[in-house]
Amino acid sequence: STISEVIDPVEVQNIPLAGRDVYSLLFTLPAVTSDGGVSRGLGLSVNGQRPSSSNYLLDGVENNNYLVTGPLTPIAPEAIQEYRVSTSSFSAQYGRTAGFIANAVTRSGTDQWHGVGYFYLKNETLDANVFDRNLKGWGRPRDRELRPGIQVGGPLLRERLYVSGAFERFTGRQRSDPETLWFPT
């Protein structure tokens, strides 16, 4: 028997995800820890295994970034139909992993055309300033993100051929804090 959990698409779309990546849902599962402070991918460890013993799948095909031990391609939540995380006792067909398997399955086409368009905005004018920056007399840091996207699916040939696709564009700008540097003169 496999120990796994299926996360339905309604839950995937309603959870605020870090970076809008469905693989970040792994943080919500029991026995999962992260070494995300080292900026090397998600760095997830399940049941005490190393982060490099993970296997990210997209529609059953490997989606691993071996350099930073995380997913190679982030997936927008609107493009996901089913998300399954297996943490132990999984089949040998997956191979090469001892930690966990995160399998994201994309939406498929249906007999009728369906779609969703969305636009996410993050802007410093919508955020409050933090206490430390107020104490130093600094304004809010420049932090702007735009994420427009669309997901569409439907029939190409009635009851024979279906299509589904998603597109999301990310544009972001940030400005770092001022820093004092001393140089010998």
C-alpha atoms as a PDB file:
ATOM      1  CA  SER A   1       0.000   0.000   0.000  1.00  0.00           C
ATOM      2  CA  THR A   2       1.135   3.501  -0.794  1.00  0.00           C
ATOM      3  CA  ILE A   3       0.903   6.396   1.625  1.00  0.00           C
ATOM      4  CA  SER A   4      -0.231   9.317  -0.495  1.00  0.00           C
ATOM      5  CA  GLU A   5      -2.564  12.267  -0.478  1.00  0.00           C
ATOM      6  CA  VAL A   6      -4.601  13.679  -3.373  1.00  0.00           C
ATOM      7  CA  ILE A   7      -5.172  17.422  -3.288  1.00  0.00           C
ATOM      8  CA  ASP A   8      -8.212  18.442  -5.344  1.00  0.00           C
ATOM      9  CA  PRO A   9      -8.063  21.366  -7.808  1.00  0.00           C
ATOM     10  CA  VAL A  10     -10.421  23.577  -5.765  1.00  0.00           C
ATOM     11  CA  GLU A  11      -8.056  23.375  -2.803  1.00  0.00           C
ATOM     12  CA  VAL A  12      -5.048  24.002  -5.061  1.00  0.00           C
ATOM     13  CA  GLN A  13      -6.585  27.195  -6.450  1.00  0.00           C
ATOM     14  CA  ASN A  14      -7.752  28.549  -3.078  1.00  0.00           C
ATOM     15  CA  ILE A  15      -4.494  28.206  -1.138  1.00  0.00           C
ATOM     16  CA  PRO A  16      -2.098  31.166  -1.361  1.00  0.00           C
ATOM     17  CA  LEU A  17       0.994  29.478  -2.773  1.00  0.00           C
ATOM     18  CA  ALA A  18       4.535  30.788  -2.492  1.00  0.00           C
ATOM     19  CA  GLY A  19       5.429  31.861  -6.009  1.00  0.00           C
ATOM     20  CA  ARG A  20       2.138  30.380  -7.296  1.00  0.00           C
ATOM     21  CA  ASP A  21       3.817  26.997  -7.741  1.00  0.00           C
ATOM     22  CA  VAL A  22       1.751  23.873  -6.982  1.00  0.00           C
ATOM     23  CA  TYR A  23       4.814  22.009  -5.771  1.00  0.00           C
ATOM     24  CA  SER A  24       5.024  24.405  -2.809  1.00  0.00           C
ATOM     25  CA  LEU A  25       1.914  22.650  -1.420  1.00  0.00           C
ATOM     26  CA  LEU A  26       4.295  20.039  -0.041  1.00  0.00           C
ATOM     27  CA  PHE A  27       4.969  22.394   2.875  1.00  0.00           C
ATOM     28  CA  THR A  28       1.455  21.721   4.177  1.00  0.00           C
ATOM     29  CA  LEU A  29       1.946  17.958   4.594  1.00  0.00           C
ATOM     30  CA  PRO A  30       3.031  16.219   7.812  1.00  0.00           C
ATOM     31  CA  ALA A  31       6.680  15.076   8.174  1.00  0.00           C
ATOM     32  CA  VAL A  32       7.870  17.690   5.642  1.00  0.00           C
ATOM     33  CA  THR A  33      10.693  20.096   6.439  1.00  0.00           C
ATOM     34  CA  SER A  34      12.482  22.632   4.265  1.00  0.00           C
ATOM     35  CA  ASP A  35      15.954  24.063   3.962  1.00  0.00           C
ATOM     36  CA  GLY A  36      14.599  26.871   1.777  1.00  0.00           C
ATOM     37  CA  GLY A  37      16.880  29.377   3.525  1.00  0.00           C
ATOM     38  CA  VAL A  38      19.802  28.278   1.347  1.00  0.00           C
ATOM     39  CA  SER A  39      18.083  29.444  -1.881  1.00  0.00           C
ATOM     40  CA  ARG A  40      18.572  26.104  -3.618  1.00  0.00           C
ATOM     41  CA  GLY A  41      15.116  25.262  -4.931  1.00  0.00           C
ATOM     42  CA  LEU A  42      12.412  24.128  -2.542  1.00  0.00           C
ATOM     43  CA  GLY A  43      14.840  21.959  -0.551  1.00  0.00           C
ATOM     44  CA  LEU A  44      12.098  19.727   0.858  1.00  0.00           C
ATOM     45  CA  SER A  45      12.822  16.761   3.054  1.00  0.00           C
ATOM     46  CA  VAL A  46      10.158  14.149   3.822  1.00  0.00           C
ATOM     47  CA  ASN A  47      10.453  11.568   6.585  1.00  0.00           C
ATOM     48  CA  GLY A  48      14.092  12.498   7.204  1.00  0.00           C
ATOM     49  CA  GLN A  49      15.291  11.801   3.644  1.00  0.00           C
ATOM     50  CA  ARG A  50      17.630  14.183   1.830  1.00  0.00           C
ATOM     51  CA  PRO A  51      16.117  16.867  -0.428  1.00  0.00           C
ATOM     52  CA  SER A  52      17.929  15.269  -3.386  1.00  0.00           C
ATOM     53  CA  SER A  53      15.903  12.057  -2.902  1.00  0.00           C
ATOM     54  CA  SER A  54      12.746  13.729  -4.197  1.00  0.00           C
ATOM     55  CA  ASN A  55      11.014  13.152  -7.517  1.00  0.00           C
ATOM     56  CA  TYR A  56       8.831  15.830  -9.111  1.00  0.00           C
ATOM     57  CA  LEU A  57       6.567  14.576 -11.892  1.00  0.00           C
ATOM     58  CA  LEU A  58       4.406  16.420 -14.394  1.00  0.00           C
ATOM     59  CA  ASP A  59       1.811  14.116 -15.957  1.00  0.00           C
ATOM     60  CA  GLY A  60       3.996  11.164 -14.907  1.00  0.00           C
ATOM     61  CA  VAL A  61       7.160  12.493 -16.593  1.00  0.00           C
ATOM     62  CA  GLU A  62      10.178  13.622 -14.559  1.00  0.00           C
ATOM     63  CA  ASN A  63      10.227  17.366 -13.897  1.00  0.00           C
ATOM     64  CA  ASN A  64      13.400  17.556 -11.771  1.00  0.00           C
ATOM     65  CA  ASN A  65      16.006  20.274 -11.593  1.00  0.00           C
ATOM     66  CA  TYR A  66      18.986  18.280 -10.400  1.00  0.00           C
ATOM     67  CA  LEU A  67      21.086  21.374  -9.724  1.00  0.00           C
ATOM     68  CA  VAL A  68      18.823  22.852  -7.031  1.00  0.00           C
ATOM     69  CA  THR A  69      16.779  19.755  -5.993  1.00  0.00           C
ATOM     70  CA  GLY A  70      13.401  21.117  -6.960  1.00  0.00           C
ATOM     71  CA  PRO A  71      10.965  21.149  -9.871  1.00  0.00           C
ATOM     72  CA  LEU A  72      12.362  22.176 -13.248  1.00  0.00           C
ATOM     73  CA  THR A  73       9.172  23.868 -14.452  1.00  0.00           C
ATOM     74  CA  PRO A  74       6.793  25.666 -12.081  1.00  0.00           C
ATOM     75  CA  ILE A  75       3.131  25.044 -12.872  1.00  0.00           C
ATOM     76  CA  ALA A  76       0.299  27.551 -12.390  1.00  0.00           C
ATOM     77  CA  PRO A  77      -2.469  26.208 -10.103  1.00  0.00           C
ATOM     78  CA  GLU A  78      -5.131  26.938 -12.754  1.00  0.00           C
ATOM     79  CA  ALA A  79      -3.512  24.391 -15.102  1.00  0.00           C
ATOM     80  CA  ILE A  80      -3.694  21.513 -12.583  1.00  0.00           C
ATOM     81  CA  GLN A  81      -6.489  18.931 -12.469  1.00  0.00           C
ATOM     82  CA  GLU A  82      -5.062  16.623  -9.792  1.00  0.00           C
ATOM     83  CA  TYR A  83      -2.110  16.749  -7.477  1.00  0.00           C
ATOM     84  CA  ARG A  84      -0.863  13.621  -5.694  1.00  0.00           C
ATOM     85  CA  VAL A  85       1.952  13.410  -3.171  1.00  0.00           C
ATOM     86  CA  SER A  86       3.284   9.973  -2.199  1.00  0.00           C
ATOM     87  CA  THR A  87       5.564   9.954   0.832  1.00  0.00           C
ATOM     88  CA  SER A  88       6.406   6.269   1.292  1.00  0.00           C
ATOM     89  CA  SER A  89       5.817   2.717   0.073  1.00  0.00           C
ATOM     90  CA  PHE A  90       5.341   3.735  -3.552  1.00  0.00           C
ATOM     91  CA  SER A  91       5.672   1.423  -6.535  1.00  0.00           C
ATOM     92  CA  ALA A  92       9.045   0.530  -8.026  1.00  0.00           C
ATOM     93  CA  GLN A  93       7.881   1.961 -11.367  1.00  0.00           C
ATOM     94  CA  TYR A  94       8.827   5.425 -10.103  1.00  0.00           C
ATOM     95  CA  GLY A  95      12.388   4.397  -9.188  1.00  0.00           C
ATOM     96  CA  ARG A  96      15.334   6.693  -8.318  1.00  0.00           C
ATOM     97  CA  THR A  97      13.762   8.107  -5.173  1.00  0.00           C
ATOM     98  CA  ALA A  98      13.488   7.346  -1.491  1.00  0.00           C
ATOM     99  CA  GLY A  99      11.932  10.596  -0.267  1.00  0.00           C
ATOM    100  CA  PHE A 100       8.665  11.523  -1.963  1.00  0.00           C
ATOM    101  CA  ILE A 101       6.912  11.703  -5.313  1.00  0.00           C
ATOM    102  CA  ALA A 102       4.972  14.853  -6.204  1.00  0.00           C
ATOM    103  CA  ASN A 103       2.872  14.237  -9.322  1.00  0.00           C
ATOM    104  CA  ALA A 104       0.967  17.157 -10.844  1.00  0.00           C
ATOM    105  CA  VAL A 105      -1.556  16.195 -13.528  1.00  0.00           C
ATOM    106  CA  THR A 106      -2.596  18.924 -15.958  1.00  0.00           C
ATOM    107  CA  ARG A 107      -6.172  19.597 -17.014  1.00  0.00           C
ATOM    108  CA  SER A 108      -7.564  17.811 -20.026  1.00  0.00           C
ATOM    109  CA  GLY A 109     -10.040  18.993 -22.622  1.00  0.00           C
ATOM    110  CA  THR A 110     -13.777  18.274 -22.306  1.00  0.00           C
ATOM    111  CA  ASP A 111     -16.819  18.096 -24.616  1.00  0.00           C
ATOM    112  CA  GLN A 112     -17.451  21.820 -24.100  1.00  0.00           C
ATOM    113  CA  TRP A 113     -15.106  24.791 -24.190  1.00  0.00           C
ATOM    114  CA  HIS A 114     -14.154  26.044 -20.739  1.00  0.00           C
ATOM    115  CA  GLY A 115     -11.588  28.557 -19.640  1.00  0.00           C
ATOM    116  CA  VAL A 116     -10.449  30.946 -16.995  1.00  0.00           C
ATOM    117  CA  GLY A 117      -8.544  34.204 -17.226  1.00  0.00           C
ATOM    118  CA  TYR A 118      -6.800  35.720 -14.220  1.00  0.00           C
ATOM    119  CA  PHE A 119      -4.565  38.571 -13.184  1.00  0.00           C
ATOM    120  CA  TYR A 120      -2.533  38.743  -9.972  1.00  0.00           C
ATOM    121  CA  LEU A 121      -1.019  42.031  -8.863  1.00  0.00           C
ATOM    122  CA  LYS A 122       1.496  42.703  -6.123  1.00  0.00           C
ATOM    123  CA  ASN A 123       2.563  46.301  -5.583  1.00  0.00           C
ATOM    124  CA  GLU A 124       4.280  48.214  -2.780  1.00  0.00           C
ATOM    125  CA  THR A 125       1.444  50.765  -2.696  1.00  0.00           C
ATOM    126  CA  LEU A 126      -0.868  47.967  -1.530  1.00  0.00           C
ATOM    127  CA  ASP A 127       1.492  46.827   1.262  1.00  0.00           C
ATOM    128  CA  ALA A 128       2.246  48.385   4.624  1.00  0.00           C
ATOM    129  CA  ASN A 129       5.801  49.233   5.596  1.00  0.00           C
ATOM    130  CA  VAL A 130       7.514  46.994   8.165  1.00  0.00           C
ATOM    131  CA  PHE A 131       8.581  48.262  11.584  1.00  0.00           C
ATOM    132  CA  ASP A 132      12.344  48.094  10.924  1.00  0.00           C
ATOM    133  CA  ARG A 133      12.084  50.217   7.790  1.00  0.00           C
ATOM    134  CA  ASN A 134       9.918  52.783   9.573  1.00  0.00           C
ATOM    135  CA  LEU A 135      12.495  52.981  12.381  1.00  0.00           C
ATOM    136  CA  LYS A 136      15.289  53.701   9.874  1.00  0.00           C
ATOM    137  CA  GLY A 137      13.159  56.280   8.047  1.00  0.00           C
ATOM    138  CA  TRP A 138      13.005  54.266   4.831  1.00  0.00           C
ATOM    139  CA  GLY A 139       9.907  53.996   2.692  1.00  0.00           C
ATOM    140  CA  ARG A 140       8.333  50.789   1.468  1.00  0.00           C
ATOM    141  CA  PRO A 141      10.655  48.695  -0.718  1.00  0.00           C
ATOM    142  CA  ARG A 142       9.835  48.575  -4.399  1.00  0.00           C
ATOM    143  CA  ASP A 143       8.291  45.170  -4.997  1.00  0.00           C
ATOM    144  CA  ARG A 144       6.072  44.771  -8.037  1.00  0.00           C
ATOM    145  CA  GLU A 145       4.744  41.592  -9.622  1.00  0.00           C
ATOM    146  CA  LEU A 146       2.263  41.090 -12.441  1.00  0.00           C
ATOM    147  CA  ARG A 147       0.946  37.631 -13.325  1.00  0.00           C
ATOM    148  CA  PRO A 148      -1.691  37.602 -16.060  1.00  0.00           C
ATOM    149  CA  GLY A 149      -2.720  34.180 -17.311  1.00  0.00           C
ATOM    150  CA  ILE A 150      -5.280  32.057 -19.077  1.00  0.00           C
ATOM    151  CA  GLN A 151      -6.320  28.400 -19.127  1.00  0.00           C
ATOM    152  CA  VAL A 152      -8.554  27.070 -21.942  1.00  0.00           C
ATOM    153  CA  GLY A 153      -9.736  23.580 -22.853  1.00  0.00           C
ATOM    154  CA  GLY A 154     -12.270  22.012 -25.188  1.00  0.00           C
ATOM    155  CA  PRO A 155     -12.902  19.760 -28.202  1.00  0.00           C
ATOM    156  CA  LEU A 156     -11.068  20.032 -31.508  1.00  0.00           C
ATOM    157  CA  LEU A 157     -12.963  17.117 -33.076  1.00  0.00           C
ATOM    158  CA  ARG A 158     -16.233  16.282 -31.340  1.00  0.00           C
ATOM    159  CA  GLU A 159     -15.858  13.196 -29.091  1.00  0.00           C
ATOM    160  CA  ARG A 160     -12.438  12.370 -30.611  1.00  0.00           C
ATOM    161  CA  LEU A 161      -9.761  14.979 -30.014  1.00  0.00           C
ATOM    162  CA  TYR A 162      -9.520  17.369 -27.066  1.00  0.00           C
ATOM    163  CA  VAL A 163      -7.110  20.163 -26.256  1.00  0.00           C
ATOM    164  CA  SER A 164      -6.167  22.040 -23.121  1.00  0.00           C
ATOM    165  CA  GLY A 165      -3.550  24.700 -22.561  1.00  0.00           C
ATOM    166  CA  ALA A 166      -2.418  27.285 -20.065  1.00  0.00           C
ATOM    167  CA  PHE A 167      -0.212  30.348 -20.260  1.00  0.00           C
ATOM    168  CA  GLU A 168       1.041  32.591 -17.481  1.00  0.00           C
ATOM    169  CA  ARG A 169       3.419  35.517 -17.778  1.00  0.00           C
ATOM    170  CA  PHE A 170       5.453  36.759 -14.827  1.00  0.00           C
ATOM    171  CA  THR A 171       6.902  40.248 -14.672  1.00  0.00           C
ATOM    172  CA  GLY A 172       8.616  41.381 -11.498  1.00  0.00           C
ATOM    173  CA  ARG A 173      10.707  44.303 -10.295  1.00  0.00           C
ATOM    174  CA  GLN A 174      12.361  44.831  -6.944  1.00  0.00           C
ATOM    175  CA  ARG A 175      14.737  47.333  -5.443  1.00  0.00           C
ATOM    176  CA  SER A 176      17.086  46.291  -2.667  1.00  0.00           C
ATOM    177  CA  ASP A 177      17.648  48.237   0.550  1.00  0.00           C
ATOM    178  CA  PRO A 178      20.235  51.021   0.699  1.00  0.00           C
ATOM    179  CA  GLU A 179      23.565  49.916   2.045  1.00  0.00           C
ATOM    180  CA  THR A 180      26.516  51.878   3.415  1.00  0.00           C
ATOM    181  CA  LEU A 181      29.933  50.805   2.139  1.00  0.00           C
ATOM    182  CA  TRP A 182      33.290  52.038   3.456  1.00  0.00           C
ATOM    183  CA  PHE A 183      36.261  52.258   1.087  1.00  0.00           C
ATOM    184  CA  PRO A 184      39.816  53.203   2.012  1.00  0.00           C
ATOM    185  CA  THR A 185      40.835  56.531   0.494  1.00  0.00           C
END
